[in-house]
Amino acid sequence: MAEHVARKSRKGGSKAKWAKLDDWGDSSGNDRTSSTVTRGPEGPKQPPIQPGNTIARTAPVSGTVRVQAAPKQVVVERALSVTPTKTLTLKPRAETGVVRTSFSHGRSKAVVVEKVKRRVDNEAAQRAEERRQREEAERKAREDAERKAREDAERKAREEEERRRREEERRQREEAERKAREEEERRHREEAARKQQEEKKRKQQEQNLEKEQSRADREKLRQREAKIRLPPIEVIPKQSKRAIAFSSVEHGPLAVLPDKGTGVVDPEQAQLYTRLRNQLQSVLDETPSQEIGQLAQPIGDFLSHPENWQDVKHKKLLWLSGNALRNVLAKHDSVARDPDPHYAKLPSVLSETLRRPVETWNVVILGDPTLRDLDRERLGPQEIKQAVDQVGAAQPILIAAAQDRHITTVQAGAAIEASLAAASEPVNNIHSQQAKKLARGTSRNVVVQILRGAHRTAQELQNPTSDAAIEFVKEYKSGIYKKLGEWTVTGAALGTGGAAMLTYYYGLPFFEFVVAQGPLLKAYLADTFQNPQLMQIVDAIDRVRGKMLEEEVES
């Protein structure tokens, strides 16, 4: 049996050369069992094999080794022992890796290569490490020194800032204390000077009062004896025909005067008016209550007018109601394209439903001269501003008059409030401008009629010309003006002098109204009429009432 032995090459390669040993037998001619021995770097060293010698080994148990020479046989026997499970291998001296190499003809081949490690100079590495540690220590020391210097500088800066802050607080505190002391001293000086001045002034007033007492008494007596100059009633302008007119005070509280018509009724106009009312009634009946919203009031106001065209006596009031409907639709059209919600925006179906009666109303206006004149009015920017200012100045006066049933009737009060509401619309279109002009004329007519009634009453109180007027003066001095809210004019007149007293009792509430609204009336008259005599009438009425009160106290 052949036995191969692996030996390592001289150049240290990984390849092994194998040597073949011839079969041999022992001296007795018996075959010996042969084995293959792999010699590696860690295997046990065997004695060198002499040429021509044959080695026989029995494995894995102990056996006998015989050595025979070719010329003569020499047998050497000794006991050997081998580790039963130990396998002899060759260990490479360096690490290896596999690299795949590609060739130009398209094939590739894996090649085993040896990884060579460079030797590291231990002394150079140690010196570099020491230098690095030295530089690191120097850097840390330098950083510690810089940090300490920075902390010292910051601490000194904080201490300096704190010192300055305390110094500033101390200075401010001393300054405040000094100012407080000076203010206290100044206040004491001023208080002492004021008391001294008041005492001096009081003594001077007492002296002047004693001197003026007799003079005032004489002047008061002279003014009482002298008649108060009251401008003539002709200076009060007449009512405007292009606005809502009111009745005279002689017939009682102010009432709306009916329009002057021709007495001829146009059948087509009456038919259009009836159709308009039916259309508005359909809008109310067919529209749900939650959608009618802001249209309910203007439609209700329009339907409150007479059903038949021949019964309509106040066309200016009818125009106000119809103009309110047009204004609602105009405000909707101005914001209909706006995607955002707006209070003036109507539901689309409701707006189209309202458009039909508005168009019918425009046709009705064209068929009537009074309505057509109101619709023809146009105002410039300056006139619009004047109208707004004048209506605003008269508004508190008109509201007080509209709520007083001794000044206006229910219908007149409603007409005044409707004109003010139409003039206060925030939008600026042709309909609102026309409403402002009508409200300005209506305000003038109301103030003119109130002033006219107060003027007549003041004139009769100052210079009564009849027995009824003399009786009225006595009643006024007795305090009847204090009970205006407790009696009716008709009952008071019949109880004190019959029907002849009605004119004076009708004018008494207007007289008291002008006295109560004197400052507002003077401001409105100065802005609207620019007539000083009108303001003199207000002052004269106030003086007449003061004279009546003085005579009442003396009596």
Protein backbone atom coordinates (compact mmCIF):
# COMPACT_ATOMS: atom_id res chain seq x y z
CA MET A 1 0.00 0.00 0.00
CA ALA A 2 1.38 3.42 -0.99
CA GLU A 3 1.91 6.16 1.55
CA HIS A 4 2.14 9.87 0.66
CA VAL A 5 3.75 12.53 2.74
CA ALA A 6 2.85 16.27 2.31
CA ARG A 7 5.79 18.61 2.60
CA LYS A 8 5.85 22.40 2.51
CA SER A 9 7.79 24.11 -0.26
CA ARG A 10 10.86 26.17 0.50
CA LYS A 11 9.27 29.45 -0.75
CA GLY A 12 6.43 29.24 1.79
CA GLY A 13 3.69 28.55 -0.74
CA SER A 14 0.50 26.73 0.08
CA LYS A 15 1.09 23.90 -2.37
CA ALA A 16 2.44 20.52 -1.11
CA LYS A 17 4.63 17.99 -2.69
CA TRP A 18 3.84 14.37 -2.11
CA ALA A 19 6.44 11.61 -1.87
CA LYS A 20 5.64 7.99 -2.46
CA LEU A 21 7.03 5.33 -0.30
CA ASP A 22 7.38 1.77 -1.60
CA ASP A 23 5.52 -1.01 -0.04
CA TRP A 24 7.51 -3.00 2.37
CA GLY A 25 7.11 -5.95 4.56
CA ASP A 26 8.68 -7.22 7.71
CA SER A 27 11.44 -9.86 8.01
CA SER A 28 8.95 -12.55 8.41
CA GLY A 29 7.43 -11.67 5.01
CA ASN A 30 4.12 -10.38 6.47
CA ASP A 31 2.50 -7.26 5.11
CA ARG A 32 2.58 -4.21 7.33
CA THR A 33 -0.23 -1.66 7.54
CA SER A 34 0.86 1.71 6.10
CA SER A 35 -0.71 5.16 6.74
CA THR A 36 -0.49 8.58 5.26
CA VAL A 37 1.21 11.20 7.41
CA THR A 38 0.51 14.94 6.82
CA ARG A 39 3.36 17.01 8.06
CA GLY A 40 2.36 20.53 9.10
CA PRO A 41 3.99 23.33 10.97
CA GLU A 42 2.50 22.19 14.21
CA GLY A 43 3.10 18.44 13.80
CA PRO A 44 5.76 16.59 15.74
CA LYS A 45 9.21 16.56 14.22
CA GLN A 46 10.27 13.16 12.94
CA PRO A 47 13.85 12.06 12.50
CA PRO A 48 15.09 12.43 8.96
CA ILE A 49 14.51 9.47 6.68
CA GLN A 50 17.65 8.00 5.27
CA PRO A 51 17.65 6.96 1.68
CA GLY A 52 16.82 3.38 1.23
CA ASN A 53 15.11 3.10 4.63
CA THR A 54 11.50 2.19 4.98
CA ILE A 55 9.33 3.41 7.81
CA ALA A 56 6.43 1.44 8.97
CA ARG A 57 3.90 2.87 11.50
CA THR A 58 0.97 1.25 13.05
CA ALA A 59 -1.84 3.71 13.78
CA PRO A 60 -3.87 4.55 15.75
CA VAL A 61 -2.49 2.11 18.43
CA SER A 62 0.99 1.65 19.75
CA GLY A 63 3.19 -0.67 17.73
CA THR A 64 6.72 -1.71 16.86
CA VAL A 65 8.94 0.12 14.35
CA ARG A 66 11.50 -1.87 12.41
CA VAL A 67 14.19 -0.43 10.18
CA GLN A 68 15.75 -2.63 7.54
CA ALA A 69 18.67 -1.81 5.37
CA ALA A 70 18.97 -3.04 1.86
CA PRO A 71 22.17 -5.11 2.28
CA LYS A 72 21.31 -6.31 5.71
CA GLN A 73 18.34 -6.13 7.79
CA VAL A 74 18.45 -4.30 11.12
CA VAL A 75 15.42 -4.34 13.29
CA VAL A 76 14.87 -1.55 15.84
CA GLU A 77 11.87 -1.73 18.03
CA ARG A 78 10.57 0.99 20.35
CA ALA A 79 7.22 1.97 21.78
CA LEU A 80 5.35 4.94 20.04
CA SER A 81 2.14 6.65 21.05
CA VAL A 82 -0.05 8.89 18.80
CA THR A 83 -3.09 11.00 19.85
CA PRO A 84 -5.96 9.07 18.47
CA THR A 85 -8.20 12.01 17.31
CA LYS A 86 -5.47 14.58 16.36
CA THR A 87 -5.44 15.46 12.64
CA LEU A 88 -2.25 16.96 11.23
CA THR A 89 -2.86 20.05 8.97
CA LEU A 90 -0.85 22.85 7.38
CA LYS A 91 -1.64 26.38 8.66
CA PRO A 92 -1.03 29.27 6.24
CA ARG A 93 1.36 31.98 7.37
CA ALA A 94 -0.77 34.88 6.09
CA GLU A 95 -4.46 35.71 5.57
CA THR A 96 -5.86 35.04 2.13
CA GLY A 97 -8.76 36.33 0.09
CA VAL A 98 -10.52 35.60 -3.16
CA VAL A 99 -10.48 38.08 -6.07
CA ARG A 100 -12.45 37.47 -9.25
CA THR A 101 -10.50 38.40 -12.40
CA SER A 102 -12.26 39.07 -15.72
CA PHE A 103 -10.62 38.43 -19.06
CA SER A 104 -11.13 40.07 -22.45
CA HIS A 105 -12.67 36.97 -23.95
CA GLY A 106 -15.55 37.21 -21.44
CA ARG A 107 -14.60 34.61 -18.87
CA SER A 108 -13.70 35.24 -15.25
CA LYS A 109 -11.69 33.32 -12.70
CA ALA A 110 -11.49 33.41 -8.93
CA VAL A 111 -7.88 33.83 -7.74
CA VAL A 112 -6.69 33.29 -4.15
CA VAL A 113 -4.48 36.17 -3.01
CA GLU A 114 -2.52 36.77 0.19
CA LYS A 115 -3.28 39.75 2.41
CA VAL A 116 -0.02 41.41 3.39
CA LYS A 117 0.02 43.46 6.58
CA ARG A 118 2.45 46.28 6.95
CA ARG A 119 4.55 46.44 9.98
CA VAL A 120 3.86 49.39 12.22
CA ASP A 121 6.73 51.29 13.67
CA ASN A 122 5.94 51.08 17.37
CA GLU A 123 8.34 53.84 18.37
CA ALA A 124 6.99 56.36 15.83
CA ALA A 125 3.44 55.53 16.84
CA GLN A 126 4.29 55.93 20.49
CA ARG A 127 5.96 59.30 19.84
CA ALA A 128 2.94 60.46 17.79
CA GLU A 129 0.59 59.38 20.56
CA GLU A 130 2.66 61.20 23.18
CA ARG A 131 2.73 64.34 20.99
CA ARG A 132 -1.03 64.13 20.48
CA GLN A 133 -1.63 63.73 24.22
CA ARG A 134 0.70 66.63 24.90
CA GLU A 135 -1.14 68.86 22.39
CA GLU A 136 -4.49 67.76 23.82
CA ALA A 137 -3.37 68.65 27.33
CA GLU A 138 -2.07 72.05 26.13
CA ARG A 139 -5.37 72.71 24.28
CA LYS A 140 -7.41 71.81 27.35
CA ALA A 141 -5.24 74.02 29.54
CA ARG A 142 -5.59 76.89 27.03
CA GLU A 143 -9.37 76.44 26.85
CA ASP A 144 -9.60 76.32 30.66
CA ALA A 145 -7.59 79.53 30.89
CA GLU A 146 -9.75 81.25 28.25
CA ARG A 147 -12.97 80.07 29.93
CA LYS A 148 -11.76 81.26 33.30
CA ALA A 149 -10.77 84.64 31.85
CA ARG A 150 -14.16 84.93 30.09
CA GLU A 151 -16.03 84.01 33.28
CA ASP A 152 -13.99 86.56 35.23
CA ALA A 153 -14.78 89.24 32.62
CA GLU A 154 -18.50 88.38 32.66
CA ARG A 155 -18.56 88.38 36.45
CA LYS A 156 -16.87 91.78 36.54
CA ALA A 157 -19.32 93.08 33.89
CA ARG A 158 -22.29 91.82 35.93
CA GLU A 159 -20.91 93.37 39.06
CA GLU A 160 -20.37 96.66 37.24
CA GLU A 161 -23.87 96.56 35.75
CA GLU A 162 -25.38 95.76 39.15
CA ARG A 163 -23.45 98.63 40.70
CA ARG A 164 -24.65 101.02 38.02
CA ARG A 165 -28.26 99.79 38.37
CA ARG A 166 -28.20 100.33 42.13
CA GLU A 167 -26.64 103.72 41.63
CA GLU A 168 -29.37 104.64 39.07
CA GLU A 169 -32.13 103.38 41.38
CA ARG A 170 -30.71 105.39 44.24
CA ARG A 171 -30.48 108.48 42.04
CA GLN A 172 -34.04 108.03 40.75
CA ARG A 173 -35.34 107.48 44.26
CA GLU A 174 -33.65 110.64 45.48
CA GLU A 175 -34.96 112.54 42.43
CA ALA A 176 -38.52 111.29 43.04
CA GLU A 177 -38.34 112.22 46.71
CA ARG A 178 -37.06 115.66 45.79
CA LYS A 179 -39.83 116.20 43.24
CA ALA A 180 -42.44 114.94 45.71
CA ARG A 181 -41.21 117.43 48.30
CA GLU A 182 -41.27 120.25 45.74
CA GLU A 183 -44.76 119.24 44.55
CA GLU A 184 -46.06 119.12 48.10
CA GLU A 185 -44.62 122.54 48.84
CA ARG A 186 -46.05 123.96 45.59
CA ARG A 187 -49.47 122.48 46.36
CA HIS A 188 -49.43 124.02 49.81
CA ARG A 189 -48.51 127.40 48.36
CA GLU A 190 -51.22 127.17 45.71
CA GLU A 191 -53.81 126.05 48.23
CA ALA A 192 -52.96 128.95 50.48
CA ALA A 193 -53.06 131.37 47.53
CA ARG A 194 -56.40 129.92 46.33
CA LYS A 195 -58.00 130.25 49.73
CA GLN A 196 -56.76 133.78 49.98
CA GLN A 197 -58.08 134.57 46.49
CA GLU A 198 -61.44 132.96 47.25
CA GLU A 199 -61.78 134.94 50.43
CA LYS A 200 -60.94 138.12 48.59
CA LYS A 201 -63.35 137.28 45.79
CA ARG A 202 -66.14 136.43 48.21
CA LYS A 203 -65.78 139.74 49.95
CA GLN A 204 -65.76 141.51 46.60
CA GLN A 205 -68.90 139.66 45.49
CA GLU A 206 -70.69 140.56 48.70
CA GLN A 207 -69.86 144.18 48.10
CA ASN A 208 -70.93 144.03 44.46
CA LEU A 209 -74.12 142.19 45.37
CA GLU A 210 -75.08 144.90 47.79
CA LYS A 211 -74.44 147.53 45.12
CA GLU A 212 -76.26 145.65 42.35
CA GLN A 213 -79.25 144.60 44.35
CA SER A 214 -81.11 147.83 43.96
CA ARG A 215 -79.95 148.20 40.36
CA ALA A 216 -81.13 144.66 39.49
CA ASP A 217 -84.49 145.32 41.05
CA ARG A 218 -84.91 148.48 39.02
CA GLU A 219 -83.83 146.73 35.78
CA LYS A 220 -86.14 143.82 36.44
CA LEU A 221 -89.04 146.13 36.94
CA ARG A 222 -88.23 148.00 33.74
CA GLN A 223 -88.02 144.79 31.70
CA ARG A 224 -91.31 143.59 33.13
CA GLU A 225 -93.04 146.78 32.18
CA ALA A 226 -91.50 146.81 28.73
CA LYS A 227 -92.99 144.50 26.07
CA ILE A 228 -90.82 141.70 24.75
CA ARG A 229 -90.05 142.33 21.10
CA LEU A 230 -91.40 139.37 19.14
CA PRO A 231 -90.55 139.32 15.40
CA PRO A 232 -93.62 139.20 13.14
CA ILE A 233 -95.06 135.86 12.13
CA GLU A 234 -94.45 136.69 8.47
CA VAL A 235 -90.72 135.94 8.87
CA ILE A 236 -91.60 132.25 9.30
CA PRO A 237 -91.38 130.62 5.80
CA LYS A 238 -94.26 128.73 4.26
CA GLN A 239 -94.39 124.96 3.83
CA SER A 240 -92.73 123.27 0.87
CA LYS A 241 -95.20 121.82 -1.66
CA ARG A 242 -92.74 119.13 -2.77
CA ALA A 243 -92.76 117.51 0.68
CA ILE A 244 -95.35 116.18 3.11
CA ALA A 245 -97.41 119.16 4.32
CA PHE A 246 -99.23 119.48 7.63
CA SER A 247 -102.35 121.26 8.82
CA SER A 248 -102.45 124.50 10.79
CA VAL A 249 -102.21 124.56 14.57
CA GLU A 250 -105.58 126.31 14.82
CA HIS A 251 -107.28 122.99 14.03
CA GLY A 252 -105.43 120.93 16.61
CA PRO A 253 -102.36 118.66 16.42
CA LEU A 254 -100.51 118.57 13.11
CA ALA A 255 -102.18 116.31 10.54
CA VAL A 256 -101.04 115.33 7.07
CA LEU A 257 -102.70 117.47 4.42
CA PRO A 258 -104.29 115.56 1.51
CA ASP A 259 -102.96 116.03 -1.99
CA LYS A 260 -104.68 118.43 -4.34
CA GLY A 261 -106.08 116.26 -7.09
CA THR A 262 -108.05 116.95 -10.25
CA GLY A 263 -110.96 114.77 -9.18
CA VAL A 264 -110.70 112.64 -12.34
CA VAL A 265 -109.83 108.96 -11.87
CA ASP A 266 -107.90 107.20 -14.63
CA PRO A 267 -109.33 103.65 -15.00
CA GLU A 268 -106.05 102.26 -16.30
CA GLN A 269 -104.21 103.80 -13.35
CA ALA A 270 -106.71 102.29 -10.96
CA GLN A 271 -106.33 98.88 -12.61
CA LEU A 272 -102.53 99.03 -12.33
CA TYR A 273 -102.77 100.01 -8.65
CA THR A 274 -105.09 97.07 -7.96
CA ARG A 275 -102.75 94.68 -9.81
CA LEU A 276 -99.80 95.98 -7.77
CA ARG A 277 -101.60 95.32 -4.50
CA ASN A 278 -102.54 91.80 -5.63
CA GLN A 279 -98.94 91.06 -6.58
CA LEU A 280 -97.66 92.22 -3.19
CA GLN A 281 -100.36 90.22 -1.41
CA SER A 282 -99.27 87.13 -3.39
CA VAL A 283 -95.68 87.66 -2.29
CA LEU A 284 -96.82 87.64 1.34
CA ASP A 285 -99.08 84.62 0.90
CA GLU A 286 -96.73 82.44 -1.15
CA THR A 287 -93.43 83.18 0.61
CA PRO A 288 -92.65 81.21 3.81
CA SER A 289 -92.42 83.32 6.92
CA GLN A 290 -88.79 82.37 7.49
CA GLU A 291 -87.83 83.75 4.05
CA ILE A 292 -89.93 86.92 3.87
CA GLY A 293 -87.59 88.58 6.43
CA GLN A 294 -87.00 92.24 5.76
CA LEU A 295 -89.74 92.44 3.10
CA ALA A 296 -92.60 91.96 5.55
CA GLN A 297 -92.57 95.53 6.91
CA PRO A 298 -92.32 97.50 3.60
CA ILE A 299 -94.97 95.30 1.95
CA GLY A 300 -97.23 95.72 4.99
CA ASP A 301 -96.75 99.51 4.91
CA PHE A 302 -97.72 99.65 1.24
CA LEU A 303 -100.81 97.47 1.74
CA SER A 304 -101.92 99.70 4.65
CA HIS A 305 -102.88 102.40 2.12
CA PRO A 306 -106.42 102.45 0.69
CA GLU A 307 -107.37 99.54 -1.57
CA ASN A 308 -108.91 101.72 -4.30
CA TRP A 309 -106.92 104.26 -6.26
CA GLN A 310 -109.62 106.96 -5.97
CA ASP A 311 -109.39 106.72 -2.16
CA VAL A 312 -105.64 107.47 -2.05
CA LYS A 313 -105.39 111.03 -0.68
CA HIS A 314 -101.77 111.08 0.49
CA LYS A 315 -99.67 110.09 -2.50
CA LYS A 316 -96.41 111.28 -0.95
CA LEU A 317 -96.88 108.72 1.81
CA LEU A 318 -97.69 106.10 -0.84
CA TRP A 319 -94.52 107.09 -2.70
CA LEU A 320 -92.47 106.56 0.47
CA SER A 321 -93.85 103.01 0.83
CA GLY A 322 -93.24 102.14 -2.82
CA ASN A 323 -89.77 103.68 -2.73
CA ALA A 324 -88.92 101.47 0.25
CA LEU A 325 -89.72 98.38 -1.87
CA ARG A 326 -87.50 99.64 -4.70
CA ASN A 327 -84.73 100.35 -2.24
CA VAL A 328 -84.85 96.79 -0.84
CA LEU A 329 -84.53 95.34 -4.35
CA ALA A 330 -81.73 97.79 -5.25
CA LYS A 331 -79.73 96.81 -2.16
CA HIS A 332 -80.16 93.13 -3.09
CA ASP A 333 -78.97 93.73 -6.66
CA SER A 334 -75.86 95.55 -5.40
CA VAL A 335 -74.68 92.50 -3.37
CA ALA A 336 -76.25 89.63 -5.35
CA ARG A 337 -72.95 88.71 -7.04
CA ASP A 338 -71.01 88.78 -3.79
CA PRO A 339 -70.34 85.16 -2.62
CA ASP A 340 -70.18 86.24 1.02
CA PRO A 341 -73.44 86.42 3.06
CA HIS A 342 -74.98 89.89 3.40
CA TYR A 343 -77.99 91.19 5.31
CA ALA A 344 -79.42 92.82 2.16
CA LYS A 345 -79.26 89.65 0.06
CA LEU A 346 -82.64 88.03 -0.68
CA PRO A 347 -83.36 84.43 -1.76
CA SER A 348 -83.18 84.19 -5.54
CA VAL A 349 -86.83 83.17 -5.92
CA LEU A 350 -88.01 85.96 -3.62
CA SER A 351 -85.96 88.61 -5.43
CA GLU A 352 -87.44 87.64 -8.80
CA THR A 353 -90.93 87.56 -7.30
CA LEU A 354 -90.44 91.07 -5.88
CA ARG A 355 -89.15 92.40 -9.20
CA ARG A 356 -92.61 92.13 -10.81
CA PRO A 357 -94.49 94.44 -8.37
CA VAL A 358 -91.56 96.89 -8.41
CA GLU A 359 -91.81 97.14 -12.19
CA THR A 360 -95.57 97.61 -11.88
CA TRP A 361 -94.96 100.38 -9.35
CA ASN A 362 -92.66 102.18 -11.79
CA VAL A 363 -95.50 102.13 -14.35
CA VAL A 364 -97.94 103.49 -11.73
CA ILE A 365 -95.55 106.39 -11.02
CA LEU A 366 -95.41 107.31 -14.70
CA GLY A 367 -99.21 107.66 -14.78
CA ASP A 368 -99.56 110.14 -11.89
CA PRO A 369 -98.19 113.73 -11.93
CA THR A 370 -97.54 113.93 -8.17
CA LEU A 371 -95.62 110.66 -8.06
CA ARG A 372 -93.82 111.55 -11.27
CA ASP A 373 -92.59 114.86 -9.79
CA LEU A 374 -91.21 113.06 -6.73
CA ASP A 375 -89.43 110.54 -8.95
CA ARG A 376 -87.93 113.29 -11.08
CA GLU A 377 -85.92 114.80 -8.24
CA ARG A 378 -82.13 114.65 -8.58
CA LEU A 379 -79.56 115.89 -6.04
CA GLY A 380 -75.92 116.80 -6.47
CA PRO A 381 -73.20 115.78 -3.99
CA GLN A 382 -73.39 119.11 -2.14
CA GLU A 383 -77.18 118.96 -1.88
CA ILE A 384 -77.03 115.40 -0.59
CA LYS A 385 -74.62 116.44 2.16
CA GLN A 386 -76.81 119.40 3.12
CA ALA A 387 -79.89 117.19 3.23
CA VAL A 388 -78.16 114.64 5.46
CA ASP A 389 -76.89 117.37 7.84
CA GLN A 390 -80.26 119.11 8.08
CA VAL A 391 -82.22 115.91 8.66
CA GLY A 392 -79.68 114.86 11.28
CA ALA A 393 -80.03 118.21 13.11
CA ALA A 394 -83.85 117.97 13.04
CA GLN A 395 -84.08 114.29 13.95
CA PRO A 396 -84.36 114.65 17.79
CA ILE A 397 -86.94 117.42 17.35
CA LEU A 398 -88.98 115.37 14.88
CA ILE A 399 -88.88 112.23 17.03
CA ALA A 400 -90.14 114.17 20.06
CA ALA A 401 -92.92 115.74 17.96
CA ALA A 402 -93.94 112.40 16.37
CA GLN A 403 -94.37 110.80 19.81
CA ASP A 404 -96.36 113.69 21.34
CA ARG A 405 -100.06 113.40 20.52
CA HIS A 406 -100.58 117.07 21.45
CA ILE A 407 -98.18 117.99 18.60
CA THR A 408 -98.99 115.43 15.86
CA THR A 409 -101.73 112.99 15.05
CA VAL A 410 -101.04 109.27 14.75
CA GLN A 411 -100.91 109.50 10.95
CA ALA A 412 -98.62 112.54 11.02
CA GLY A 413 -96.30 110.89 13.53
CA ALA A 414 -96.11 107.76 11.34
CA ALA A 415 -95.35 109.92 8.26
CA ILE A 416 -92.54 111.73 10.09
CA GLU A 417 -91.00 108.45 11.28
CA ALA A 418 -91.28 106.92 7.79
CA SER A 419 -89.49 109.89 6.20
CA LEU A 420 -86.70 109.69 8.79
CA ALA A 421 -86.31 105.95 8.23
CA ALA A 422 -86.13 106.40 4.46
CA ALA A 423 -83.48 109.11 4.83
CA SER A 424 -81.34 107.01 7.18
CA GLU A 425 -80.70 104.19 4.66
CA PRO A 426 -76.92 103.48 4.55
CA VAL A 427 -76.87 102.84 0.79
CA ASN A 428 -76.32 105.66 -1.70
CA ASN A 429 -78.51 105.20 -4.77
CA ILE A 430 -81.08 107.27 -6.63
CA HIS A 431 -83.94 106.01 -4.45
CA SER A 432 -82.21 106.86 -1.16
CA GLN A 433 -81.22 110.31 -2.49
CA GLN A 434 -84.82 111.09 -3.43
CA ALA A 435 -85.96 109.92 0.02
CA LYS A 436 -83.40 112.22 1.70
CA LYS A 437 -84.71 115.22 -0.23
CA LEU A 438 -88.31 114.42 0.72
CA ALA A 439 -87.28 113.99 4.38
CA ARG A 440 -85.50 117.38 4.34
CA GLY A 441 -88.65 119.12 3.05
CA THR A 442 -90.85 117.25 5.53
CA SER A 443 -88.57 118.28 8.42
CA ARG A 444 -88.83 121.93 7.37
CA ASN A 445 -92.62 121.76 7.22
CA VAL A 446 -92.88 120.22 10.70
CA VAL A 447 -90.56 122.80 12.32
CA VAL A 448 -92.26 125.68 10.51
CA GLN A 449 -95.73 124.66 11.67
CA ILE A 450 -94.57 124.12 15.26
CA LEU A 451 -92.89 127.53 15.30
CA ARG A 452 -95.98 129.19 13.81
CA GLY A 453 -98.29 127.75 16.47
CA ALA A 454 -95.92 128.74 19.32
CA HIS A 455 -95.60 132.28 17.90
CA ARG A 456 -99.38 132.84 17.97
CA THR A 457 -99.65 131.57 21.53
CA ALA A 458 -96.77 133.80 22.71
CA GLN A 459 -98.28 136.81 21.01
CA GLU A 460 -101.65 136.27 22.74
CA LEU A 461 -100.00 135.72 26.12
CA GLN A 462 -98.01 138.94 25.83
CA ASN A 463 -100.75 141.10 24.34
CA PRO A 464 -104.22 139.54 24.60
CA THR A 465 -106.66 141.16 22.15
CA SER A 466 -109.94 139.46 23.05
CA ASP A 467 -111.89 138.30 26.05
CA ALA A 468 -111.01 134.71 25.24
CA ALA A 469 -107.32 135.62 25.10
CA ILE A 470 -107.53 137.43 28.45
CA GLU A 471 -109.21 134.39 29.98
CA PHE A 472 -106.51 132.16 28.51
CA VAL A 473 -103.77 134.31 30.08
CA LYS A 474 -105.43 133.95 33.48
CA GLU A 475 -105.66 130.19 33.05
CA TYR A 476 -102.00 130.01 32.06
CA LYS A 477 -100.90 132.00 35.09
CA SER A 478 -102.97 129.72 37.27
CA GLY A 479 -100.81 126.80 36.17
CA ILE A 480 -102.85 125.05 33.51
CA TYR A 481 -99.68 124.43 31.46
CA LYS A 482 -98.54 122.04 34.18
CA LYS A 483 -101.41 119.63 33.40
CA LEU A 484 -100.86 119.13 29.67
CA GLY A 485 -100.56 115.39 30.10
CA GLU A 486 -103.75 115.10 32.16
CA TRP A 487 -106.39 116.80 30.02
CA THR A 488 -107.65 116.96 26.48
CA VAL A 489 -107.78 120.28 24.70
CA THR A 490 -111.50 120.05 23.90
CA GLY A 491 -112.48 119.26 27.48
CA ALA A 492 -110.32 122.04 28.92
CA ALA A 493 -111.64 124.61 26.45
CA LEU A 494 -115.30 123.72 26.94
CA GLY A 495 -114.83 123.78 30.68
CA THR A 496 -113.30 127.26 30.79
CA GLY A 497 -114.73 129.27 27.90
CA GLY A 498 -116.30 127.20 25.17
CA ALA A 499 -115.25 126.78 21.55
CA ALA A 500 -113.64 130.24 21.39
CA MET A 501 -110.83 129.00 23.62
CA LEU A 502 -109.92 126.06 21.37
CA THR A 503 -107.43 128.05 19.28
CA TYR A 504 -105.42 129.10 22.31
CA TYR A 505 -105.47 125.69 23.92
CA TYR A 506 -104.39 124.06 20.66
CA GLY A 507 -101.39 126.38 20.53
CA LEU A 508 -100.32 125.89 24.17
CA PRO A 509 -98.51 122.51 23.61
CA PHE A 510 -96.54 124.07 20.70
CA PHE A 511 -95.57 127.00 22.93
CA GLU A 512 -94.24 124.63 25.62
CA PHE A 513 -92.59 122.43 22.99
CA VAL A 514 -90.54 125.34 21.57
CA VAL A 515 -89.41 126.32 25.08
CA ALA A 516 -88.36 122.72 25.85
CA GLN A 517 -86.59 122.21 22.48
CA GLY A 518 -85.16 125.76 22.32
CA PRO A 519 -81.40 124.97 21.91
CA LEU A 520 -82.02 122.23 19.31
CA LEU A 521 -84.46 124.43 17.39
CA LYS A 522 -82.01 127.34 17.28
CA ALA A 523 -79.22 125.09 15.98
CA TYR A 524 -81.50 123.63 13.30
CA LEU A 525 -82.85 127.04 12.23
CA ALA A 526 -79.34 128.48 12.00
CA ASP A 527 -78.18 125.61 9.76
CA THR A 528 -81.28 125.34 7.57
CA PHE A 529 -82.72 128.85 7.08
CA GLN A 530 -79.83 131.19 8.03
CA ASN A 531 -82.41 133.72 9.28
CA PRO A 532 -81.54 135.41 12.60
CA GLN A 533 -85.14 136.50 13.14
CA LEU A 534 -86.26 132.87 13.44
CA MET A 535 -83.82 132.36 16.30
CA GLN A 536 -85.06 135.64 17.85
CA ILE A 537 -88.59 134.16 17.82
CA VAL A 538 -87.35 131.18 19.86
CA ASP A 539 -85.60 133.49 22.36
CA ALA A 540 -88.66 135.73 22.60
CA ILE A 541 -90.96 132.78 23.28
CA ASP A 542 -88.65 131.65 26.07
CA ARG A 543 -88.66 135.15 27.61
CA VAL A 544 -92.46 135.39 27.39
CA ARG A 545 -92.79 132.13 29.28
CA GLY A 546 -90.29 133.34 31.91
CA LYS A 547 -92.32 136.52 32.35
CA MET A 548 -95.52 134.49 32.78
CA LEU A 549 -93.88 132.35 35.43
CA GLU A 550 -92.66 135.40 37.37
CA GLU A 551 -96.11 136.94 37.32
CA GLU A 552 -97.53 133.59 38.45
CA VAL A 553 -95.21 133.56 41.47
CA GLU A 554 -96.03 137.16 42.38
CA SER A 555 -99.73 136.56 42.04
